[in-house]
Amino acid sequence: IFNVFSGTYYEQLVLTSVPGSSSVNTITFQSQSGNPADVILDFTALGTSDNYVVYLNGADYIMLKKMTFTASNSVGNAVVIRIAGNSEYNSIMGNVINGKASSTLLYAYQCSNHFNSITSNTFNSGYHGIYLEGISSSVPTSSLSITGNTFNAPAYNGMYLKYQDSPLVSGNNILNQGQQGIHLDYCYNDFEL
């Protein structure tokens, strides 16, 4: 467990595969105080290559807990959390995630990121609060869980999910969305909404 001291950190966090991580050896980054407002990770991207505040790239068994993540760009290039590279069994829990109406707050595009959970977070603004897309209809992402989150004023969708197998989407509040609260596209099998 990494207990992060209170403060505002103007930087990015990139997490890749960690040898030895497992269901019993998880890696947690959390606010030492337990208050998300006390630890703020804030970054302004310069372009598409550094367009994230947190990047999970092939990272497994990571927990991001009770912190604030902010993309400070005035327009465009303001993804807050990017997930790629078959990142699995990760948990994003109890955080405040701030972005701009021009970008997605939590984003994964055409990748297999199985068994991830997004729980009890507050998403502020964003074009999509969450945009998660598996590889294709024949290679979907499995067992995604999105529960108990609040989405404040997303410009387009609170959530956009595509190519998902058995997702659980429950108990979320989507307030003042621009177009659609939840958009499901090619979601299969025992999905719960």
C-alpha atoms as a PDB file:
ATOM      1  CA  ILE A   1       0.000   0.000   0.000  1.00  0.00           C
ATOM      2  CA  PHE A   2       1.260   3.440  -0.967  1.00  0.00           C
ATOM      3  CA  ASN A   3      -0.265   6.048   1.347  1.00  0.00           C
ATOM      4  CA  VAL A   4       0.065   9.365  -0.473  1.00  0.00           C
ATOM      5  CA  PHE A   5       0.710  12.464   1.645  1.00  0.00           C
ATOM      6  CA  SER A   6      -1.698  15.366   1.334  1.00  0.00           C
ATOM      7  CA  GLY A   7      -0.839  17.831  -1.419  1.00  0.00           C
ATOM      8  CA  THR A   8      -1.263  18.698  -5.071  1.00  0.00           C
ATOM      9  CA  TYR A   9       1.083  16.865  -7.427  1.00  0.00           C
ATOM     10  CA  TYR A  10       1.474  18.304 -10.945  1.00  0.00           C
ATOM     11  CA  GLU A  11       2.482  15.156 -12.786  1.00  0.00           C
ATOM     12  CA  GLN A  12       1.377  11.919 -14.424  1.00  0.00           C
ATOM     13  CA  LEU A  13       1.279   8.363 -13.114  1.00  0.00           C
ATOM     14  CA  VAL A  14       2.093   5.490 -15.492  1.00  0.00           C
ATOM     15  CA  LEU A  15       1.610   1.938 -14.222  1.00  0.00           C
ATOM     16  CA  THR A  16       2.697  -1.145 -16.163  1.00  0.00           C
ATOM     17  CA  SER A  17       2.946  -4.825 -15.271  1.00  0.00           C
ATOM     18  CA  VAL A  18       4.397  -5.387 -11.789  1.00  0.00           C
ATOM     19  CA  PRO A  19       6.073  -8.780 -11.242  1.00  0.00           C
ATOM     20  CA  GLY A  20       4.448 -10.665  -8.355  1.00  0.00           C
ATOM     21  CA  SER A  21       1.172  -8.740  -8.351  1.00  0.00           C
ATOM     22  CA  SER A  22      -1.826 -11.020  -7.809  1.00  0.00           C
ATOM     23  CA  SER A  23      -5.181 -11.262  -6.067  1.00  0.00           C
ATOM     24  CA  VAL A  24      -3.350 -11.572  -2.729  1.00  0.00           C
ATOM     25  CA  ASN A  25      -0.553  -9.149  -3.654  1.00  0.00           C
ATOM     26  CA  THR A  26      -2.474  -6.101  -4.851  1.00  0.00           C
ATOM     27  CA  ILE A  27      -0.903  -2.662  -5.224  1.00  0.00           C
ATOM     28  CA  THR A  28      -2.855   0.244  -3.732  1.00  0.00           C
ATOM     29  CA  PHE A  29      -2.327   3.985  -4.150  1.00  0.00           C
ATOM     30  CA  GLN A  30      -4.523   5.876  -1.709  1.00  0.00           C
ATOM     31  CA  SER A  31      -4.890   9.149   0.120  1.00  0.00           C
ATOM     32  CA  GLN A  32      -3.212   8.794   3.515  1.00  0.00           C
ATOM     33  CA  SER A  33      -6.042  10.759   5.139  1.00  0.00           C
ATOM     34  CA  GLY A  34      -8.794   8.833   3.369  1.00  0.00           C
ATOM     35  CA  ASN A  35     -10.153  12.115   1.960  1.00  0.00           C
ATOM     36  CA  PRO A  36      -9.973  12.457  -1.860  1.00  0.00           C
ATOM     37  CA  ALA A  37      -9.690  16.259  -1.589  1.00  0.00           C
ATOM     38  CA  ASP A  38      -6.386  15.926   0.269  1.00  0.00           C
ATOM     39  CA  VAL A  39      -4.442  14.301  -2.588  1.00  0.00           C
ATOM     40  CA  ILE A  40      -4.744  15.868  -6.042  1.00  0.00           C
ATOM     41  CA  LEU A  41      -2.886  14.594  -9.102  1.00  0.00           C
ATOM     42  CA  ASP A  42      -3.171  17.333 -11.735  1.00  0.00           C
ATOM     43  CA  PHE A  43      -1.704  17.311 -15.247  1.00  0.00           C
ATOM     44  CA  THR A  44      -1.967  19.384 -18.408  1.00  0.00           C
ATOM     45  CA  ALA A  45      -1.207  17.284 -21.498  1.00  0.00           C
ATOM     46  CA  LEU A  46       0.791  18.799 -24.346  1.00  0.00           C
ATOM     47  CA  GLY A  47      -0.703  16.583 -27.055  1.00  0.00           C
ATOM     48  CA  THR A  48      -2.052  13.150 -27.881  1.00  0.00           C
ATOM     49  CA  SER A  49       1.059  11.241 -26.768  1.00  0.00           C
ATOM     50  CA  ASP A  50       0.771  12.349 -23.141  1.00  0.00           C
ATOM     51  CA  ASN A  51      -3.017  12.634 -23.027  1.00  0.00           C
ATOM     52  CA  TYR A  52      -3.681  11.179 -19.554  1.00  0.00           C
ATOM     53  CA  VAL A  53      -3.202  11.874 -15.887  1.00  0.00           C
ATOM     54  CA  VAL A  54      -3.083   8.161 -14.966  1.00  0.00           C
ATOM     55  CA  TYR A  55      -2.195   5.457 -17.503  1.00  0.00           C
ATOM     56  CA  LEU A  56      -2.725   1.779 -16.711  1.00  0.00           C
ATOM     57  CA  ASN A  57      -0.815   0.019 -19.486  1.00  0.00           C
ATOM     58  CA  GLY A  58      -0.716  -3.733 -18.931  1.00  0.00           C
ATOM     59  CA  ALA A  59      -1.100  -3.175 -15.186  1.00  0.00           C
ATOM     60  CA  ASP A  60      -2.942  -5.799 -13.136  1.00  0.00           C
ATOM     61  CA  TYR A  61      -4.226  -5.816  -9.530  1.00  0.00           C
ATOM     62  CA  ILE A  62      -3.868  -2.049  -9.063  1.00  0.00           C
ATOM     63  CA  MET A  63      -6.205  -0.079  -6.789  1.00  0.00           C
ATOM     64  CA  LEU A  64      -6.553   3.707  -7.048  1.00  0.00           C
ATOM     65  CA  LYS A  65      -8.420   4.804  -3.944  1.00  0.00           C
ATOM     66  CA  LYS A  66      -9.757   8.060  -2.461  1.00  0.00           C
ATOM     67  CA  MET A  67      -7.727  10.578  -4.448  1.00  0.00           C
ATOM     68  CA  THR A  68      -8.553  13.380  -6.899  1.00  0.00           C
ATOM     69  CA  PHE A  69      -7.383  13.199 -10.517  1.00  0.00           C
ATOM     70  CA  THR A  70      -7.669  16.319 -12.676  1.00  0.00           C
ATOM     71  CA  ALA A  71      -6.905  16.999 -16.349  1.00  0.00           C
ATOM     72  CA  SER A  72      -6.406  20.760 -16.510  1.00  0.00           C
ATOM     73  CA  ASN A  73      -6.332  21.337 -20.266  1.00  0.00           C
ATOM     74  CA  SER A  74      -8.635  24.109 -21.396  1.00  0.00           C
ATOM     75  CA  VAL A  75      -9.724  22.138 -24.494  1.00  0.00           C
ATOM     76  CA  GLY A  76      -8.967  18.695 -25.961  1.00  0.00           C
ATOM     77  CA  ASN A  77      -6.281  16.283 -24.737  1.00  0.00           C
ATOM     78  CA  ALA A  78      -7.862  15.965 -21.307  1.00  0.00           C
ATOM     79  CA  VAL A  79      -8.264  12.223 -20.680  1.00  0.00           C
ATOM     80  CA  VAL A  80      -7.947  11.629 -16.971  1.00  0.00           C
ATOM     81  CA  ILE A  81      -7.509   7.836 -16.679  1.00  0.00           C
ATOM     82  CA  ARG A  82      -6.473   5.755 -19.703  1.00  0.00           C
ATOM     83  CA  ILE A  83      -6.543   1.956 -19.600  1.00  0.00           C
ATOM     84  CA  ALA A  84      -4.768  -0.181 -22.227  1.00  0.00           C
ATOM     85  CA  GLY A  85      -2.536  -3.186 -22.793  1.00  0.00           C
ATOM     86  CA  ASN A  86      -4.759  -5.872 -21.265  1.00  0.00           C
ATOM     87  CA  SER A  87      -4.911  -4.275 -17.829  1.00  0.00           C
ATOM     88  CA  GLU A  88      -6.958  -6.616 -15.629  1.00  0.00           C
ATOM     89  CA  TYR A  89      -8.332  -6.969 -12.086  1.00  0.00           C
ATOM     90  CA  ASN A  90      -7.908  -3.273 -11.321  1.00  0.00           C
ATOM     91  CA  SER A  91     -10.105  -1.207  -9.030  1.00  0.00           C
ATOM     92  CA  ILE A  92     -10.801   2.522  -9.224  1.00  0.00           C
ATOM     93  CA  MET A  93     -12.645   3.317  -6.013  1.00  0.00           C
ATOM     94  CA  GLY A  94     -13.869   6.394  -4.154  1.00  0.00           C
ATOM     95  CA  ASN A  95     -12.022   8.963  -6.267  1.00  0.00           C
ATOM     96  CA  VAL A  96     -12.944  12.354  -7.686  1.00  0.00           C
ATOM     97  CA  ILE A  97     -12.209  12.509 -11.420  1.00  0.00           C
ATOM     98  CA  ASN A  98     -12.279  15.981 -13.007  1.00  0.00           C
ATOM     99  CA  GLY A  99     -12.025  16.807 -16.688  1.00  0.00           C
ATOM    100  CA  LYS A 100     -13.298  18.977 -19.501  1.00  0.00           C
ATOM    101  CA  ALA A 101     -16.413  18.730 -21.647  1.00  0.00           C
ATOM    102  CA  SER A 102     -14.183  18.102 -24.689  1.00  0.00           C
ATOM    103  CA  SER A 103     -12.581  14.815 -23.485  1.00  0.00           C
ATOM    104  CA  THR A 104     -13.397  11.493 -21.877  1.00  0.00           C
ATOM    105  CA  LEU A 105     -12.598  11.085 -18.198  1.00  0.00           C
ATOM    106  CA  LEU A 106     -11.972   7.302 -18.075  1.00  0.00           C
ATOM    107  CA  TYR A 107     -11.011   5.809 -21.435  1.00  0.00           C
ATOM    108  CA  ALA A 108     -10.104   2.472 -23.018  1.00  0.00           C
ATOM    109  CA  TYR A 109     -10.251   1.886 -26.769  1.00  0.00           C
ATOM    110  CA  GLN A 110     -10.137  -1.485 -28.532  1.00  0.00           C
ATOM    111  CA  CYS A 111      -8.348  -3.445 -25.835  1.00  0.00           C
ATOM    112  CA  SER A 112      -9.062  -6.457 -23.625  1.00  0.00           C
ATOM    113  CA  ASN A 113      -9.170  -5.145 -20.083  1.00  0.00           C
ATOM    114  CA  HIS A 114     -11.020  -7.859 -18.147  1.00  0.00           C
ATOM    115  CA  PHE A 115     -12.391  -7.935 -14.579  1.00  0.00           C
ATOM    116  CA  ASN A 116     -11.930  -4.243 -13.767  1.00  0.00           C
ATOM    117  CA  SER A 117     -14.176  -2.428 -11.293  1.00  0.00           C
ATOM    118  CA  ILE A 118     -15.095   1.248 -11.111  1.00  0.00           C
ATOM    119  CA  THR A 119     -16.860   1.905  -7.816  1.00  0.00           C
ATOM    120  CA  SER A 120     -18.141   4.904  -5.831  1.00  0.00           C
ATOM    121  CA  ASN A 121     -16.292   7.585  -7.811  1.00  0.00           C
ATOM    122  CA  THR A 122     -17.443  11.099  -8.666  1.00  0.00           C
ATOM    123  CA  PHE A 123     -16.939  12.061 -12.322  1.00  0.00           C
ATOM    124  CA  ASN A 124     -17.129  15.806 -12.997  1.00  0.00           C
ATOM    125  CA  SER A 125     -17.725  17.052 -16.564  1.00  0.00           C
ATOM    126  CA  GLY A 126     -16.169  15.188 -19.515  1.00  0.00           C
ATOM    127  CA  TYR A 127     -17.551  14.456 -22.971  1.00  0.00           C
ATOM    128  CA  HIS A 128     -18.079  10.859 -21.843  1.00  0.00           C
ATOM    129  CA  GLY A 129     -17.667  10.147 -18.156  1.00  0.00           C
ATOM    130  CA  ILE A 130     -16.584   6.615 -19.086  1.00  0.00           C
ATOM    131  CA  TYR A 131     -15.820   5.284 -22.573  1.00  0.00           C
ATOM    132  CA  LEU A 132     -14.763   1.626 -22.592  1.00  0.00           C
ATOM    133  CA  GLU A 133     -14.509  -0.387 -25.797  1.00  0.00           C
ATOM    134  CA  GLY A 134     -13.332  -3.983 -26.214  1.00  0.00           C
ATOM    135  CA  ILE A 135     -11.518  -5.160 -29.321  1.00  0.00           C
ATOM    136  CA  SER A 136     -14.512  -6.374 -31.345  1.00  0.00           C
ATOM    137  CA  SER A 137     -17.799  -8.258 -31.109  1.00  0.00           C
ATOM    138  CA  SER A 138     -15.832 -11.530 -31.253  1.00  0.00           C
ATOM    139  CA  VAL A 139     -13.207 -10.347 -28.713  1.00  0.00           C
ATOM    140  CA  PRO A 140     -15.140  -8.381 -26.086  1.00  0.00           C
ATOM    141  CA  THR A 141     -13.936  -7.254 -22.678  1.00  0.00           C
ATOM    142  CA  SER A 142     -15.286  -9.480 -19.882  1.00  0.00           C
ATOM    143  CA  SER A 143     -16.794  -8.876 -16.455  1.00  0.00           C
ATOM    144  CA  LEU A 144     -16.564  -5.095 -16.134  1.00  0.00           C
ATOM    145  CA  SER A 145     -18.229  -3.681 -13.009  1.00  0.00           C
ATOM    146  CA  ILE A 146     -19.379  -0.036 -12.779  1.00  0.00           C
ATOM    147  CA  THR A 147     -21.313   0.536  -9.546  1.00  0.00           C
ATOM    148  CA  GLY A 148     -22.270   3.372  -7.223  1.00  0.00           C
ATOM    149  CA  ASN A 149     -20.686   6.201  -9.195  1.00  0.00           C
ATOM    150  CA  THR A 150     -21.937   9.758  -9.687  1.00  0.00           C
ATOM    151  CA  PHE A 151     -21.567  11.539 -13.027  1.00  0.00           C
ATOM    152  CA  ASN A 152     -22.001  15.311 -12.881  1.00  0.00           C
ATOM    153  CA  ALA A 153     -22.862  17.055 -16.162  1.00  0.00           C
ATOM    154  CA  PRO A 154     -21.159  14.914 -18.833  1.00  0.00           C
ATOM    155  CA  ALA A 155     -21.438  16.763 -22.148  1.00  0.00           C
ATOM    156  CA  TYR A 156     -22.582  13.665 -24.066  1.00  0.00           C
ATOM    157  CA  ASN A 157     -22.800  10.311 -22.198  1.00  0.00           C
ATOM    158  CA  GLY A 158     -22.331   9.348 -18.607  1.00  0.00           C
ATOM    159  CA  MET A 159     -21.144   5.961 -19.898  1.00  0.00           C
ATOM    160  CA  TYR A 160     -20.471   4.518 -23.327  1.00  0.00           C
ATOM    161  CA  LEU A 161     -19.757   0.777 -23.306  1.00  0.00           C
ATOM    162  CA  LYS A 162     -18.998  -1.209 -26.447  1.00  0.00           C
ATOM    163  CA  TYR A 163     -17.976  -4.850 -26.982  1.00  0.00           C
ATOM    164  CA  GLN A 164     -18.537  -5.915 -23.380  1.00  0.00           C
ATOM    165  CA  ASP A 165     -19.307  -9.441 -22.155  1.00  0.00           C
ATOM    166  CA  SER A 166     -21.379  -9.666 -18.947  1.00  0.00           C
ATOM    167  CA  PRO A 167     -20.908  -6.114 -17.644  1.00  0.00           C
ATOM    168  CA  LEU A 168     -22.487  -5.067 -14.338  1.00  0.00           C
ATOM    169  CA  VAL A 169     -23.728  -1.462 -14.337  1.00  0.00           C
ATOM    170  CA  SER A 170     -25.686  -0.699 -11.178  1.00  0.00           C
ATOM    171  CA  GLY A 171     -26.546   2.066  -8.722  1.00  0.00           C
ATOM    172  CA  ASN A 172     -24.979   4.926 -10.678  1.00  0.00           C
ATOM    173  CA  ASN A 173     -26.332   8.490 -10.716  1.00  0.00           C
ATOM    174  CA  ILE A 174     -25.999  10.470 -13.941  1.00  0.00           C
ATOM    175  CA  LEU A 175     -26.953  14.114 -13.508  1.00  0.00           C
ATOM    176  CA  ASN A 176     -27.512  16.736 -16.211  1.00  0.00           C
ATOM    177  CA  GLN A 177     -26.098  14.692 -19.101  1.00  0.00           C
ATOM    178  CA  GLY A 178     -25.972  16.315 -22.509  1.00  0.00           C
ATOM    179  CA  GLN A 179     -27.392  13.463 -24.615  1.00  0.00           C
ATOM    180  CA  GLN A 180     -27.609   9.971 -23.093  1.00  0.00           C
ATOM    181  CA  GLY A 181     -27.081   8.664 -19.616  1.00  0.00           C
ATOM    182  CA  ILE A 182     -25.837   5.192 -20.629  1.00  0.00           C
ATOM    183  CA  HIS A 183     -25.111   3.961 -24.152  1.00  0.00           C
ATOM    184  CA  LEU A 184     -24.587   0.199 -24.601  1.00  0.00           C
ATOM    185  CA  ASP A 185     -23.355  -1.113 -27.935  1.00  0.00           C
ATOM    186  CA  TYR A 186     -22.675  -4.827 -28.536  1.00  0.00           C
ATOM    187  CA  CYS A 187     -22.974  -5.833 -24.877  1.00  0.00           C
ATOM    188  CA  TYR A 188     -23.605  -9.565 -24.480  1.00  0.00           C
ATOM    189  CA  ASN A 189     -24.692 -12.368 -22.197  1.00  0.00           C
ATOM    190  CA  ASP A 190     -25.625 -11.830 -18.563  1.00  0.00           C
ATOM    191  CA  PHE A 191     -25.228  -8.092 -18.394  1.00  0.00           C
ATOM    192  CA  GLU A 192     -26.962  -6.285 -15.526  1.00  0.00           C
ATOM    193  CA  LEU A 193     -28.217  -2.762 -15.783  1.00  0.00           C
END
